[in-house]
């Protein structure tokens, strides 16, 4: 009998922490930003308001699903006249953003600055 795809069966090292800091919502991502994690973040945090900082310092992997997530979040922020900032991206993230050209669209910082 096919039970379908049940995410409770997966042992995922990925997680997200959320906090308010300096007038922005900070999402700190850990582990792998893949399809599973992007879907989780999109469903759980798709309705954030105000400026959003995405701290990527804890990521060990990102694929095209992560690129799409960051692009979508950026578009949503711009639509509500807010700002998305990608903070502390490791090499695996900056390399992919550079290869796809998305680094020219996103605001990428090495730290969260005061607002």
N, C-alpha and C. Protein backbone atom coordinates (compact mmCIF):
# COMPACT_ATOMS: atom_id res chain seq x y z
N UNK A 1 0.84 -1.19 0.00
CA UNK A 1 0.00 0.00 0.00
C UNK A 1 0.88 1.25 0.00
N UNK A 2 0.61 2.16 -0.90
CA UNK A 2 1.38 3.39 -1.01
C UNK A 2 0.81 4.43 -0.07
N UNK A 3 1.64 4.89 0.88
CA UNK A 3 1.19 5.92 1.83
C UNK A 3 1.37 7.32 1.29
N UNK A 4 2.08 7.46 0.18
CA UNK A 4 2.39 8.79 -0.33
C UNK A 4 3.62 9.35 0.34
N UNK A 5 3.90 10.61 0.12
CA UNK A 5 5.09 11.26 0.66
C UNK A 5 4.76 11.84 2.02
N UNK A 6 5.40 11.32 3.04
CA UNK A 6 5.15 11.77 4.40
C UNK A 6 6.45 12.34 4.96
N UNK A 7 6.49 13.65 5.16
CA UNK A 7 7.73 14.29 5.62
C UNK A 7 8.08 13.93 7.05
N UNK A 8 7.15 13.36 7.82
CA UNK A 8 7.48 12.96 9.18
C UNK A 8 8.42 11.78 9.20
N UNK A 9 8.55 11.06 8.08
CA UNK A 9 9.45 9.92 7.99
C UNK A 9 10.89 10.35 7.73
N UNK A 10 11.12 11.59 7.38
CA UNK A 10 12.45 12.05 7.02
C UNK A 10 13.21 12.55 8.25
N UNK A 11 14.46 12.28 8.28
CA UNK A 11 15.35 12.83 9.30
C UNK A 11 16.07 14.01 8.67
N UNK A 12 15.58 15.21 8.87
CA UNK A 12 16.12 16.39 8.22
C UNK A 12 16.99 17.17 9.20
N UNK A 13 18.22 17.48 8.82
CA UNK A 13 19.05 18.32 9.66
C UNK A 13 18.76 19.80 9.47
N UNK A 14 17.82 20.13 8.61
CA UNK A 14 17.53 21.53 8.28
C UNK A 14 16.54 22.11 9.27
N UNK A 15 16.69 23.40 9.54
CA UNK A 15 15.76 24.08 10.43
C UNK A 15 15.78 25.58 10.15
N UNK A 16 14.80 26.26 10.74
CA UNK A 16 14.66 27.71 10.58
C UNK A 16 14.39 28.31 11.95
N UNK A 17 15.08 29.37 12.27
CA UNK A 17 14.79 30.15 13.47
C UNK A 17 14.29 31.52 13.03
N UNK A 18 13.35 32.06 13.77
CA UNK A 18 12.77 33.37 13.44
C UNK A 18 12.86 34.27 14.65
N UNK A 19 13.30 35.52 14.41
CA UNK A 19 13.34 36.50 15.48
C UNK A 19 13.18 37.90 14.90
N UNK A 20 12.77 38.81 15.74
CA UNK A 20 12.71 40.22 15.35
C UNK A 20 14.02 40.86 15.80
N UNK A 21 14.67 41.59 14.88
CA UNK A 21 15.94 42.23 15.19
C UNK A 21 16.06 43.52 14.40
N UNK A 22 16.31 44.63 15.06
CA UNK A 22 16.54 45.92 14.42
C UNK A 22 15.43 46.30 13.44
N UNK A 23 14.19 46.01 13.79
CA UNK A 23 13.06 46.40 12.95
C UNK A 23 12.77 45.48 11.79
N UNK A 24 13.46 44.35 11.72
CA UNK A 24 13.23 43.40 10.63
C UNK A 24 12.95 42.02 11.22
N UNK A 25 12.31 41.19 10.42
CA UNK A 25 12.17 39.78 10.78
C UNK A 25 13.39 39.06 10.23
N UNK A 26 14.07 38.31 11.08
CA UNK A 26 15.27 37.59 10.66
C UNK A 26 14.95 36.10 10.62
N UNK A 27 15.09 35.51 9.44
CA UNK A 27 14.98 34.06 9.28
C UNK A 27 16.40 33.53 9.21
N UNK A 28 16.78 32.68 10.13
CA UNK A 28 18.10 32.06 10.10
C UNK A 28 17.92 30.62 9.64
N UNK A 29 18.54 30.28 8.52
CA UNK A 29 18.39 28.97 7.91
C UNK A 29 19.59 28.10 8.23
N UNK A 30 19.32 26.82 8.53
CA UNK A 30 20.37 25.85 8.84
C UNK A 30 20.20 24.62 7.97
N UNK A 31 21.31 24.03 7.57
CA UNK A 31 21.27 22.76 6.84
C UNK A 31 21.18 22.97 5.35
N UNK A 32 20.25 22.25 4.72
CA UNK A 32 20.12 22.24 3.27
C UNK A 32 18.87 22.99 2.83
N UNK A 33 19.06 23.98 1.97
CA UNK A 33 17.93 24.71 1.40
C UNK A 33 17.62 24.07 0.05
N UNK A 34 16.83 23.01 0.11
CA UNK A 34 16.43 22.25 -1.07
C UNK A 34 14.91 22.38 -1.24
N UNK A 35 14.33 21.56 -2.09
CA UNK A 35 12.90 21.63 -2.36
C UNK A 35 12.07 21.49 -1.08
N UNK A 36 12.44 20.52 -0.27
CA UNK A 36 11.68 20.27 0.97
C UNK A 36 11.71 21.50 1.88
N UNK A 37 12.91 22.02 2.12
CA UNK A 37 13.06 23.16 3.02
C UNK A 37 12.42 24.42 2.43
N UNK A 38 12.58 24.64 1.13
CA UNK A 38 11.97 25.82 0.48
C UNK A 38 10.45 25.77 0.60
N UNK A 39 9.87 24.59 0.42
CA UNK A 39 8.42 24.44 0.54
C UNK A 39 7.98 24.74 1.97
N UNK A 40 8.73 24.25 2.95
CA UNK A 40 8.42 24.51 4.35
C UNK A 40 8.47 26.01 4.65
N UNK A 41 9.55 26.67 4.24
CA UNK A 41 9.70 28.10 4.51
C UNK A 41 8.60 28.89 3.81
N UNK A 42 8.30 28.55 2.58
CA UNK A 42 7.26 29.25 1.82
C UNK A 42 5.90 29.14 2.51
N UNK A 43 5.56 27.94 2.94
CA UNK A 43 4.25 27.72 3.60
C UNK A 43 4.18 28.36 4.97
N UNK A 44 5.27 28.27 5.71
CA UNK A 44 5.27 28.73 7.09
C UNK A 44 5.47 30.23 7.22
N UNK A 45 6.29 30.81 6.33
CA UNK A 45 6.68 32.20 6.50
C UNK A 45 6.35 33.07 5.28
N UNK A 46 5.45 32.62 4.44
CA UNK A 46 5.10 33.35 3.23
C UNK A 46 4.37 34.65 3.46
N UNK A 47 3.84 34.84 4.66
CA UNK A 47 3.03 36.04 4.94
C UNK A 47 3.73 37.03 5.87
N UNK A 48 5.05 37.01 5.90
CA UNK A 48 5.78 37.96 6.73
C UNK A 48 5.54 39.38 6.26
N UNK A 49 5.57 40.30 7.19
CA UNK A 49 5.41 41.71 6.85
C UNK A 49 6.67 42.46 7.22
N UNK A 50 6.86 43.60 6.59
CA UNK A 50 8.04 44.42 6.87
C UNK A 50 9.28 43.85 6.21
N UNK A 51 10.42 44.43 6.59
CA UNK A 51 11.70 43.98 6.04
C UNK A 51 12.04 42.59 6.55
N UNK A 52 12.73 41.83 5.70
CA UNK A 52 13.11 40.46 6.05
C UNK A 52 14.59 40.28 5.76
N UNK A 53 15.33 39.79 6.77
CA UNK A 53 16.72 39.40 6.60
C UNK A 53 16.76 37.88 6.61
N UNK A 54 17.37 37.28 5.61
CA UNK A 54 17.52 35.83 5.55
C UNK A 54 18.98 35.52 5.83
N UNK A 55 19.25 35.06 7.04
CA UNK A 55 20.62 34.73 7.45
C UNK A 55 20.93 33.32 6.96
N UNK A 56 21.82 33.23 6.00
CA UNK A 56 22.17 31.96 5.35
C UNK A 56 23.44 31.34 5.92
N UNK A 57 23.99 31.90 6.97
CA UNK A 57 25.29 31.45 7.47
C UNK A 57 25.30 29.98 7.89
N UNK A 58 24.14 29.43 8.23
CA UNK A 58 24.07 28.04 8.67
C UNK A 58 23.79 27.06 7.55
N UNK A 59 23.70 27.53 6.31
CA UNK A 59 23.41 26.63 5.20
C UNK A 59 24.66 25.86 4.77
N UNK A 60 24.45 24.59 4.46
CA UNK A 60 25.53 23.74 3.94
C UNK A 60 25.30 23.38 2.48
N UNK A 61 24.10 23.67 1.96
CA UNK A 61 23.74 23.32 0.59
C UNK A 61 22.54 24.16 0.17
N UNK A 62 22.51 24.55 -1.11
CA UNK A 62 21.34 25.20 -1.68
C UNK A 62 21.25 24.80 -3.14
N UNK A 63 20.03 24.48 -3.59
CA UNK A 63 19.82 24.17 -5.01
C UNK A 63 18.88 25.20 -5.60
N UNK A 64 18.37 24.92 -6.80
CA UNK A 64 17.53 25.89 -7.51
C UNK A 64 16.25 26.21 -6.75
N UNK A 65 15.78 25.30 -5.90
CA UNK A 65 14.59 25.60 -5.09
C UNK A 65 14.88 26.73 -4.12
N UNK A 66 16.08 26.79 -3.60
CA UNK A 66 16.48 27.89 -2.72
C UNK A 66 16.60 29.20 -3.47
N UNK A 67 17.13 29.14 -4.68
CA UNK A 67 17.22 30.35 -5.51
C UNK A 67 15.81 30.88 -5.79
N UNK A 68 14.91 29.99 -6.14
CA UNK A 68 13.53 30.39 -6.41
C UNK A 68 12.87 30.98 -5.17
N UNK A 69 13.09 30.36 -4.02
CA UNK A 69 12.52 30.87 -2.77
C UNK A 69 13.00 32.29 -2.49
N UNK A 70 14.29 32.53 -2.57
CA UNK A 70 14.82 33.86 -2.31
C UNK A 70 14.29 34.88 -3.31
N UNK A 71 14.17 34.48 -4.57
CA UNK A 71 13.63 35.38 -5.60
C UNK A 71 12.17 35.72 -5.31
N UNK A 72 11.38 34.71 -4.95
CA UNK A 72 9.96 34.95 -4.62
C UNK A 72 9.82 35.84 -3.40
N UNK A 73 10.62 35.57 -2.37
CA UNK A 73 10.55 36.40 -1.16
C UNK A 73 10.93 37.83 -1.48
N UNK A 74 11.92 38.03 -2.34
CA UNK A 74 12.32 39.37 -2.75
C UNK A 74 11.17 40.08 -3.47
N UNK A 75 10.50 39.38 -4.38
CA UNK A 75 9.38 39.97 -5.11
C UNK A 75 8.24 40.33 -4.16
N UNK A 76 7.95 39.47 -3.20
CA UNK A 76 6.88 39.77 -2.23
C UNK A 76 7.23 40.98 -1.38
N UNK A 77 8.48 41.06 -0.96
CA UNK A 77 8.91 42.22 -0.17
C UNK A 77 8.78 43.50 -0.98
N UNK A 78 9.26 43.47 -2.22
CA UNK A 78 9.18 44.67 -3.07
C UNK A 78 7.73 45.08 -3.31
N UNK A 79 6.84 44.12 -3.47
CA UNK A 79 5.43 44.42 -3.73
C UNK A 79 4.79 45.16 -2.55
N UNK A 80 5.28 44.92 -1.36
CA UNK A 80 4.74 45.62 -0.18
C UNK A 80 5.66 46.74 0.30
N UNK A 81 6.61 47.14 -0.59
CA UNK A 81 7.55 48.22 -0.33
C UNK A 81 8.44 47.95 0.88
N UNK A 82 8.83 46.69 1.00
CA UNK A 82 9.76 46.27 2.06
C UNK A 82 11.03 45.77 1.38
N UNK A 83 12.00 45.39 2.20
CA UNK A 83 13.30 44.98 1.67
C UNK A 83 13.67 43.58 2.17
N UNK A 84 14.18 42.78 1.26
CA UNK A 84 14.74 41.48 1.60
C UNK A 84 16.25 41.58 1.51
N UNK A 85 16.94 41.12 2.54
CA UNK A 85 18.40 41.10 2.54
C UNK A 85 18.87 39.69 2.82
N UNK A 86 19.75 39.19 1.97
CA UNK A 86 20.38 37.90 2.19
C UNK A 86 21.66 38.17 2.96
N UNK A 87 21.79 37.55 4.14
CA UNK A 87 22.87 37.88 5.06
C UNK A 87 23.79 36.67 5.26
N UNK A 88 25.07 36.93 5.28
CA UNK A 88 26.09 35.93 5.59
C UNK A 88 26.01 34.66 4.74
N UNK A 89 25.86 34.78 3.44
CA UNK A 89 25.76 33.56 2.64
C UNK A 89 27.12 32.85 2.52
N UNK A 90 27.13 31.53 2.73
CA UNK A 90 28.37 30.79 2.52
C UNK A 90 28.67 30.62 1.04
N UNK A 91 29.82 30.09 0.73
CA UNK A 91 30.27 29.92 -0.65
C UNK A 91 29.27 29.13 -1.49
N UNK A 92 28.67 28.08 -0.93
CA UNK A 92 27.73 27.27 -1.71
C UNK A 92 26.52 28.08 -2.17
N UNK A 93 26.18 29.12 -1.42
CA UNK A 93 25.05 29.98 -1.77
C UNK A 93 25.49 31.06 -2.75
N UNK A 94 26.59 31.76 -2.45
CA UNK A 94 27.03 32.84 -3.33
C UNK A 94 27.39 32.32 -4.72
N UNK A 95 27.95 31.14 -4.76
CA UNK A 95 28.32 30.56 -6.06
C UNK A 95 27.08 30.33 -6.92
N UNK A 96 26.05 29.74 -6.35
CA UNK A 96 24.83 29.46 -7.10
C UNK A 96 24.10 30.75 -7.48
N UNK A 97 24.06 31.71 -6.57
CA UNK A 97 23.42 32.99 -6.89
C UNK A 97 24.17 33.69 -8.02
N UNK A 98 25.49 33.57 -8.02
CA UNK A 98 26.29 34.16 -9.09
C UNK A 98 26.09 33.45 -10.42
N UNK A 99 26.05 32.14 -10.40
CA UNK A 99 25.86 31.37 -11.64
C UNK A 99 24.51 31.65 -12.29
N UNK A 100 23.49 31.89 -11.46
CA UNK A 100 22.15 32.12 -11.98
C UNK A 100 21.87 33.60 -12.27
N UNK A 101 22.76 34.48 -11.83
CA UNK A 101 22.57 35.91 -12.05
C UNK A 101 21.66 36.57 -11.02
N UNK A 102 21.18 35.81 -10.08
CA UNK A 102 20.27 36.35 -9.06
C UNK A 102 21.01 37.25 -8.08
N UNK A 103 22.33 37.11 -8.00
CA UNK A 103 23.10 37.99 -7.12
C UNK A 103 23.02 39.45 -7.54
N UNK A 104 22.67 39.70 -8.78
CA UNK A 104 22.49 41.08 -9.25
C UNK A 104 21.15 41.68 -8.89
N UNK A 105 20.24 40.85 -8.41
CA UNK A 105 18.89 41.30 -8.07
C UNK A 105 18.71 41.40 -6.56
N UNK A 106 19.34 40.50 -5.83
CA UNK A 106 19.18 40.47 -4.37
C UNK A 106 20.17 41.39 -3.68
N UNK A 107 19.76 41.90 -2.51
CA UNK A 107 20.66 42.65 -1.65
C UNK A 107 21.37 41.62 -0.77
N UNK A 108 22.68 41.47 -0.95
CA UNK A 108 23.45 40.47 -0.23
C UNK A 108 24.46 41.18 0.65
N UNK A 109 24.45 40.85 1.94
CA UNK A 109 25.33 41.50 2.93
C UNK A 109 26.11 40.44 3.71
N UNK A 110 27.25 40.86 4.21
CA UNK A 110 28.05 39.94 5.03
C UNK A 110 27.68 40.01 6.51
N UNK A 111 26.79 40.90 6.88
CA UNK A 111 26.33 41.00 8.26
C UNK A 111 25.00 41.75 8.27
N UNK A 112 24.30 41.65 9.39
CA UNK A 112 23.06 42.40 9.55
C UNK A 112 23.44 43.74 10.14
N UNK A 113 23.20 44.79 9.39
CA UNK A 113 23.54 46.13 9.87
C UNK A 113 22.36 46.71 10.62
N UNK A 114 22.62 47.70 11.46
CA UNK A 114 21.54 48.39 12.15
C UNK A 114 20.66 49.11 11.17
N UNK A 115 19.42 49.22 11.51
CA UNK A 115 18.46 49.85 10.59
C UNK A 115 18.16 51.25 11.03
